[in-house]
Amino acid sequence: MLIDDTSLTALEQVTQLFHDSIAAKQRASLVLPAHLVRAANIMSLCLANGGKILSCGNGGSAGDAQHFAAELVNRFEVERRGLAAIALTTDSSNLTSIANDRSYDQIFSRQVEALANRGDVLLAITTSGNSANIEMAISSAAMLDVSVVLLSGHDGGRAAALLGSNDVELRVPETSTARIQEIHILLIHGLCTLLDEWALTTSNDQPINSRF
């Protein structure tokens, strides 16, 4: 049976989703822009120094991690040189071997240990802040002097408590997973916009904070 698209209830529900998403973005706009610029500063400094950005997340956040990496390696909205980024969610052999031989909680941390160098950046994405494999990835990053940009929601969860002074949390002030995910993709696009501009308008050896 098809949904009756003339049903006032169905139309009201869909319209309310738009209104809720808009309202959530408006609330986020009051608290997140400065943190977003700081995160972009950290990423541009990493890239300027020849580093790379590693990204990770679970479920929908895994898709976001891959989306971010693709925008940097290929392009976002303008043509510019490729920017170094690796999604830790895409190699099925790595993921399954680590999960099988060690534990699922280590699927990202083990890759951080193997691939990250001092000065790199980890983009960790978790709507709840309580994903064990994200927590372990953040802990591994700290041991390697790798800065962390955490995209979170709710109260930041256990992941937020692991961040150091050189890390940045972009905590969406919402409790709905759907609203948090919608704003996470906006934040990712914001990072990509700033990194696009940086790559086009600098000599690529200066971070964004030299201009912002």
C-alpha atoms as a PDB file:
ATOM      1  CA  MET A   1       0.000   0.000   0.000  1.00  0.00           C
ATOM      2  CA  LEU A   2       1.403   3.383  -1.019  1.00  0.00           C
ATOM      3  CA  ILE A   3       1.516   6.354   1.309  1.00  0.00           C
ATOM      4  CA  ASP A   4      -1.301   8.711   0.411  1.00  0.00           C
ATOM      5  CA  ASP A   5       0.625  11.821  -0.624  1.00  0.00           C
ATOM      6  CA  THR A   6      -2.530  13.873  -0.207  1.00  0.00           C
ATOM      7  CA  SER A   7      -2.778  12.914   3.437  1.00  0.00           C
ATOM      8  CA  LEU A   8      -2.584  16.000   5.591  1.00  0.00           C
ATOM      9  CA  THR A   9      -0.890  13.978   8.326  1.00  0.00           C
ATOM     10  CA  ALA A  10       1.898  12.801   5.994  1.00  0.00           C
ATOM     11  CA  LEU A  11       2.403  16.304   4.601  1.00  0.00           C
ATOM     12  CA  GLU A  12       2.461  17.747   8.089  1.00  0.00           C
ATOM     13  CA  GLN A  13       5.061  15.216   9.186  1.00  0.00           C
ATOM     14  CA  VAL A  14       7.365  15.981   6.271  1.00  0.00           C
ATOM     15  CA  THR A  15       6.919  19.737   6.684  1.00  0.00           C
ATOM     16  CA  GLN A  16       7.724  19.397  10.376  1.00  0.00           C
ATOM     17  CA  LEU A  17      10.958  17.593   9.492  1.00  0.00           C
ATOM     18  CA  PHE A  18      12.028  20.596   7.432  1.00  0.00           C
ATOM     19  CA  HIS A  19      11.127  22.968  10.255  1.00  0.00           C
ATOM     20  CA  ASP A  20      12.961  20.853  12.840  1.00  0.00           C
ATOM     21  CA  SER A  21      16.084  20.664  10.685  1.00  0.00           C
ATOM     22  CA  ILE A  22      16.069  24.417  10.087  1.00  0.00           C
ATOM     23  CA  ALA A  23      15.607  25.130  13.798  1.00  0.00           C
ATOM     24  CA  ALA A  24      18.438  22.748  14.711  1.00  0.00           C
ATOM     25  CA  LYS A  25      20.771  24.448  12.239  1.00  0.00           C
ATOM     26  CA  GLN A  26      19.823  27.850  13.628  1.00  0.00           C
ATOM     27  CA  ARG A  27      20.711  26.705  17.152  1.00  0.00           C
ATOM     28  CA  ALA A  28      23.991  25.248  15.904  1.00  0.00           C
ATOM     29  CA  SER A  29      24.832  28.501  14.112  1.00  0.00           C
ATOM     30  CA  LEU A  30      24.941  30.260  17.492  1.00  0.00           C
ATOM     31  CA  VAL A  31      27.674  28.037  18.951  1.00  0.00           C
ATOM     32  CA  LEU A  32      29.665  26.240  16.242  1.00  0.00           C
ATOM     33  CA  PRO A  33      31.107  28.678  13.639  1.00  0.00           C
ATOM     34  CA  ALA A  34      34.171  29.736  15.654  1.00  0.00           C
ATOM     35  CA  HIS A  35      34.952  26.113  16.499  1.00  0.00           C
ATOM     36  CA  LEU A  36      34.573  25.219  12.825  1.00  0.00           C
ATOM     37  CA  VAL A  37      37.131  27.845  11.803  1.00  0.00           C
ATOM     38  CA  ARG A  38      39.512  26.583  14.484  1.00  0.00           C
ATOM     39  CA  ALA A  39      39.124  23.032  13.182  1.00  0.00           C
ATOM     40  CA  ALA A  40      39.850  24.207   9.644  1.00  0.00           C
ATOM     41  CA  ASN A  41      42.924  26.032  10.964  1.00  0.00           C
ATOM     42  CA  ILE A  42      44.222  22.799  12.462  1.00  0.00           C
ATOM     43  CA  MET A  43      43.587  20.905   9.243  1.00  0.00           C
ATOM     44  CA  SER A  44      45.194  23.529   7.012  1.00  0.00           C
ATOM     45  CA  LEU A  45      48.295  23.631   9.228  1.00  0.00           C
ATOM     46  CA  CYS A  46      48.507  19.848   8.977  1.00  0.00           C
ATOM     47  CA  LEU A  47      48.251  19.943   5.182  1.00  0.00           C
ATOM     48  CA  ALA A  48      50.671  22.870   4.915  1.00  0.00           C
ATOM     49  CA  ASN A  49      53.252  20.787   6.778  1.00  0.00           C
ATOM     50  CA  GLY A  50      52.816  17.810   4.464  1.00  0.00           C
ATOM     51  CA  GLY A  51      50.492  15.881   6.768  1.00  0.00           C
ATOM     52  CA  LYS A  52      47.226  14.092   6.122  1.00  0.00           C
ATOM     53  CA  ILE A  53      43.770  13.861   7.616  1.00  0.00           C
ATOM     54  CA  LEU A  54      42.384  10.484   8.703  1.00  0.00           C
ATOM     55  CA  SER A  55      38.612  10.159   9.148  1.00  0.00           C
ATOM     56  CA  CYS A  56      36.449   7.551  10.853  1.00  0.00           C
ATOM     57  CA  GLY A  57      32.933   6.850  12.104  1.00  0.00           C
ATOM     58  CA  ASN A  58      30.295   4.099  12.309  1.00  0.00           C
ATOM     59  CA  GLY A  59      27.162   3.614  10.224  1.00  0.00           C
ATOM     60  CA  GLY A  60      25.990   6.921   8.817  1.00  0.00           C
ATOM     61  CA  SER A  61      29.079   8.532  10.326  1.00  0.00           C
ATOM     62  CA  ALA A  62      31.221   6.106   8.303  1.00  0.00           C
ATOM     63  CA  GLY A  63      29.531   7.501   5.205  1.00  0.00           C
ATOM     64  CA  ASP A  64      30.322  11.019   6.411  1.00  0.00           C
ATOM     65  CA  ALA A  65      33.969  10.079   6.986  1.00  0.00           C
ATOM     66  CA  GLN A  66      34.215   8.753   3.436  1.00  0.00           C
ATOM     67  CA  HIS A  67      32.362  11.774   2.056  1.00  0.00           C
ATOM     68  CA  PHE A  68      34.875  14.116   3.696  1.00  0.00           C
ATOM     69  CA  ALA A  69      37.904  12.211   2.409  1.00  0.00           C
ATOM     70  CA  ALA A  70      36.516  12.114  -1.123  1.00  0.00           C
ATOM     71  CA  GLU A  71      35.874  15.861  -1.142  1.00  0.00           C
ATOM     72  CA  LEU A  72      39.486  16.533  -0.155  1.00  0.00           C
ATOM     73  CA  VAL A  73      41.237  13.994  -2.371  1.00  0.00           C
ATOM     74  CA  ASN A  74      39.180  14.806  -5.459  1.00  0.00           C
ATOM     75  CA  ARG A  75      37.388  18.138  -5.225  1.00  0.00           C
ATOM     76  CA  PHE A  76      34.593  19.928  -3.411  1.00  0.00           C
ATOM     77  CA  GLU A  77      33.208  22.967  -5.233  1.00  0.00           C
ATOM     78  CA  VAL A  78      36.291  24.271  -7.041  1.00  0.00           C
ATOM     79  CA  GLU A  79      39.211  22.836  -8.976  1.00  0.00           C
ATOM     80  CA  ARG A  80      42.396  22.731  -6.899  1.00  0.00           C
ATOM     81  CA  ARG A  81      45.155  20.301  -6.068  1.00  0.00           C
ATOM     82  CA  GLY A  82      44.244  17.096  -4.260  1.00  0.00           C
ATOM     83  CA  LEU A  83      44.459  17.262  -0.472  1.00  0.00           C
ATOM     84  CA  ALA A  84      45.712  14.313   1.579  1.00  0.00           C
ATOM     85  CA  ALA A  85      42.893  12.468   3.345  1.00  0.00           C
ATOM     86  CA  ILE A  86      42.190   8.807   4.108  1.00  0.00           C
ATOM     87  CA  ALA A  87      38.909   7.309   5.351  1.00  0.00           C
ATOM     88  CA  LEU A  88      39.622   4.477   7.795  1.00  0.00           C
ATOM     89  CA  THR A  89      36.223   2.929   7.065  1.00  0.00           C
ATOM     90  CA  THR A  90      36.787   1.638   3.530  1.00  0.00           C
ATOM     91  CA  ASP A  91      39.329  -1.211   3.615  1.00  0.00           C
ATOM     92  CA  SER A  92      37.281  -4.328   4.293  1.00  0.00           C
ATOM     93  CA  SER A  93      40.385  -6.521   4.701  1.00  0.00           C
ATOM     94  CA  ASN A  94      41.830  -4.235   7.371  1.00  0.00           C
ATOM     95  CA  LEU A  95      38.504  -3.812   9.140  1.00  0.00           C
ATOM     96  CA  THR A  96      37.629  -7.489   9.257  1.00  0.00           C
ATOM     97  CA  SER A  97      41.104  -8.713  10.141  1.00  0.00           C
ATOM     98  CA  ILE A  98      41.423  -6.267  13.028  1.00  0.00           C
ATOM     99  CA  ALA A  99      37.905  -7.036  14.252  1.00  0.00           C
ATOM    100  CA  ASN A 100      38.535 -10.781  14.003  1.00  0.00           C
ATOM    101  CA  ASP A 101      42.071 -10.939  15.420  1.00  0.00           C
ATOM    102  CA  ARG A 102      41.737  -8.169  18.004  1.00  0.00           C
ATOM    103  CA  SER A 103      38.337  -6.572  18.530  1.00  0.00           C
ATOM    104  CA  TYR A 104      35.861  -4.346  16.752  1.00  0.00           C
ATOM    105  CA  ASP A 105      36.766  -1.624  19.233  1.00  0.00           C
ATOM    106  CA  GLN A 106      40.244  -1.451  17.682  1.00  0.00           C
ATOM    107  CA  ILE A 107      39.310  -1.198  13.996  1.00  0.00           C
ATOM    108  CA  PHE A 108      40.232   2.491  13.854  1.00  0.00           C
ATOM    109  CA  SER A 109      42.882   2.756  16.568  1.00  0.00           C
ATOM    110  CA  ARG A 110      45.031   0.073  14.927  1.00  0.00           C
ATOM    111  CA  GLN A 111      44.906   1.949  11.634  1.00  0.00           C
ATOM    112  CA  VAL A 112      45.798   5.189  13.393  1.00  0.00           C
ATOM    113  CA  GLU A 113      48.811   3.447  14.928  1.00  0.00           C
ATOM    114  CA  ALA A 114      49.881   2.177  11.503  1.00  0.00           C
ATOM    115  CA  LEU A 115      49.156   5.184   9.307  1.00  0.00           C
ATOM    116  CA  ALA A 116      49.305   8.358  11.387  1.00  0.00           C
ATOM    117  CA  ASN A 117      52.369  10.510  11.885  1.00  0.00           C
ATOM    118  CA  ARG A 118      52.994  13.364  14.269  1.00  0.00           C
ATOM    119  CA  GLY A 119      51.235  16.456  12.952  1.00  0.00           C
ATOM    120  CA  ASP A 120      48.446  14.570  11.187  1.00  0.00           C
ATOM    121  CA  VAL A 121      44.785  15.139  12.080  1.00  0.00           C
ATOM    122  CA  LEU A 122      42.082  12.625  12.988  1.00  0.00           C
ATOM    123  CA  LEU A 123      38.505  13.559  12.096  1.00  0.00           C
ATOM    124  CA  ALA A 124      36.416  11.381  14.438  1.00  0.00           C
ATOM    125  CA  ILE A 125      32.647  11.326  13.948  1.00  0.00           C
ATOM    126  CA  THR A 126      30.135   9.999  16.493  1.00  0.00           C
ATOM    127  CA  THR A 127      26.615  11.263  17.102  1.00  0.00           C
ATOM    128  CA  SER A 128      26.508   9.884  20.655  1.00  0.00           C
ATOM    129  CA  GLY A 129      30.121  10.424  21.662  1.00  0.00           C
ATOM    130  CA  ASN A 130      30.121   6.924  23.130  1.00  0.00           C
ATOM    131  CA  SER A 131      31.400   4.706  20.307  1.00  0.00           C
ATOM    132  CA  ALA A 132      34.167   2.579  21.812  1.00  0.00           C
ATOM    133  CA  ASN A 133      36.159   2.365  18.590  1.00  0.00           C
ATOM    134  CA  ILE A 134      36.097   6.143  18.247  1.00  0.00           C
ATOM    135  CA  GLU A 135      37.300   6.515  21.836  1.00  0.00           C
ATOM    136  CA  MET A 136      40.200   4.161  21.177  1.00  0.00           C
ATOM    137  CA  ALA A 137      41.090   5.995  17.966  1.00  0.00           C
ATOM    138  CA  ILE A 138      41.229   9.287  19.885  1.00  0.00           C
ATOM    139  CA  SER A 139      43.452   7.718  22.548  1.00  0.00           C
ATOM    140  CA  SER A 140      45.804   6.364  19.878  1.00  0.00           C
ATOM    141  CA  ALA A 141      45.922   9.775  18.209  1.00  0.00           C
ATOM    142  CA  ALA A 142      46.901  11.411  21.502  1.00  0.00           C
ATOM    143  CA  MET A 143      49.817   9.018  21.938  1.00  0.00           C
ATOM    144  CA  LEU A 144      51.117   9.923  18.468  1.00  0.00           C
ATOM    145  CA  ASP A 145      50.711  13.699  18.853  1.00  0.00           C
ATOM    146  CA  VAL A 146      47.922  13.657  16.269  1.00  0.00           C
ATOM    147  CA  SER A 147      45.326  16.408  16.700  1.00  0.00           C
ATOM    148  CA  VAL A 148      41.664  15.412  16.805  1.00  0.00           C
ATOM    149  CA  VAL A 149      38.625  17.149  15.367  1.00  0.00           C
ATOM    150  CA  LEU A 150      35.594  15.478  16.947  1.00  0.00           C
ATOM    151  CA  LEU A 151      32.132  15.791  15.426  1.00  0.00           C
ATOM    152  CA  SER A 152      29.694  14.848  18.185  1.00  0.00           C
ATOM    153  CA  GLY A 153      26.242  15.514  19.612  1.00  0.00           C
ATOM    154  CA  HIS A 154      24.248  15.134  22.833  1.00  0.00           C
ATOM    155  CA  ASP A 155      26.684  15.956  25.701  1.00  0.00           C
ATOM    156  CA  GLY A 156      29.790  14.894  23.793  1.00  0.00           C
ATOM    157  CA  GLY A 157      29.884  11.543  25.575  1.00  0.00           C
ATOM    158  CA  ARG A 158      33.040   9.740  26.642  1.00  0.00           C
ATOM    159  CA  ALA A 159      34.855  10.773  23.467  1.00  0.00           C
ATOM    160  CA  ALA A 160      34.713  14.458  24.385  1.00  0.00           C
ATOM    161  CA  ALA A 161      36.342  13.734  27.741  1.00  0.00           C
ATOM    162  CA  LEU A 162      39.389  12.317  25.938  1.00  0.00           C
ATOM    163  CA  LEU A 163      40.196  15.488  24.007  1.00  0.00           C
ATOM    164  CA  GLY A 164      43.284  17.535  24.776  1.00  0.00           C
ATOM    165  CA  SER A 165      44.019  21.245  24.527  1.00  0.00           C
ATOM    166  CA  ASN A 166      45.104  20.971  20.883  1.00  0.00           C
ATOM    167  CA  ASP A 167      41.899  19.221  19.832  1.00  0.00           C
ATOM    168  CA  VAL A 168      38.561  20.684  18.750  1.00  0.00           C
ATOM    169  CA  GLU A 169      35.066  19.394  19.390  1.00  0.00           C
ATOM    170  CA  LEU A 170      32.206  20.366  17.101  1.00  0.00           C
ATOM    171  CA  ARG A 171      29.338  19.324  19.355  1.00  0.00           C
ATOM    172  CA  VAL A 172      25.907  19.666  17.792  1.00  0.00           C
ATOM    173  CA  PRO A 173      23.517  20.924  20.505  1.00  0.00           C
ATOM    174  CA  GLU A 174      20.828  18.341  19.736  1.00  0.00           C
ATOM    175  CA  THR A 175      19.709  14.915  20.982  1.00  0.00           C
ATOM    176  CA  SER A 176      18.048  13.615  17.802  1.00  0.00           C
ATOM    177  CA  THR A 177      20.455  11.429  15.814  1.00  0.00           C
ATOM    178  CA  ALA A 178      18.881  12.579  12.553  1.00  0.00           C
ATOM    179  CA  ARG A 179      19.303  16.269  13.358  1.00  0.00           C
ATOM    180  CA  ILE A 180      22.890  15.693  14.542  1.00  0.00           C
ATOM    181  CA  GLN A 181      23.760  13.867  11.318  1.00  0.00           C
ATOM    182  CA  GLU A 182      22.217  16.613   9.207  1.00  0.00           C
ATOM    183  CA  ILE A 183      24.369  19.207  10.917  1.00  0.00           C
ATOM    184  CA  HIS A 184      27.468  17.001  10.758  1.00  0.00           C
ATOM    185  CA  ILE A 185      27.283  17.051   6.978  1.00  0.00           C
ATOM    186  CA  LEU A 186      26.900  20.842   7.071  1.00  0.00           C
ATOM    187  CA  LEU A 187      30.013  21.056   9.256  1.00  0.00           C
ATOM    188  CA  ILE A 188      31.904  18.788   6.871  1.00  0.00           C
ATOM    189  CA  HIS A 189      30.927  21.008   3.965  1.00  0.00           C
ATOM    190  CA  GLY A 190      32.042  24.025   5.985  1.00  0.00           C
ATOM    191  CA  LEU A 191      35.463  22.461   6.518  1.00  0.00           C
ATOM    192  CA  CYS A 192      35.690  21.637   2.818  1.00  0.00           C
ATOM    193  CA  THR A 193      34.736  25.199   1.857  1.00  0.00           C
ATOM    194  CA  LEU A 194      37.487  26.703   4.008  1.00  0.00           C
ATOM    195  CA  LEU A 195      40.067  24.172   2.827  1.00  0.00           C
ATOM    196  CA  ASP A 196      39.091  24.825  -0.804  1.00  0.00           C
ATOM    197  CA  GLU A 197      39.713  28.540  -0.297  1.00  0.00           C
ATOM    198  CA  TRP A 198      42.956  27.883   1.543  1.00  0.00           C
ATOM    199  CA  ALA A 199      44.267  25.640  -1.244  1.00  0.00           C
ATOM    200  CA  LEU A 200      43.380  28.221  -3.899  1.00  0.00           C
ATOM    201  CA  THR A 201      44.473  31.452  -2.260  1.00  0.00           C
ATOM    202  CA  THR A 202      47.645  30.597  -0.355  1.00  0.00           C
ATOM    203  CA  SER A 203      51.026  29.169  -1.248  1.00  0.00           C
ATOM    204  CA  ASN A 204      49.841  26.028   0.596  1.00  0.00           C
ATOM    205  CA  ASP A 205      52.552  26.440   3.210  1.00  0.00           C
ATOM    206  CA  GLN A 206      50.502  28.675   5.523  1.00  0.00           C
ATOM    207  CA  PRO A 207      47.497  27.664   7.609  1.00  0.00           C
ATOM    208  CA  ILE A 208      44.104  29.307   7.354  1.00  0.00           C
ATOM    209  CA  ASN A 209      44.694  31.326  10.538  1.00  0.00           C
ATOM    210  CA  SER A 210      47.143  33.526   8.647  1.00  0.00           C
ATOM    211  CA  ARG A 211      44.087  34.992   6.872  1.00  0.00           C
ATOM    212  CA  PHE A 212      41.125  34.440   9.246  1.00  0.00           C
END
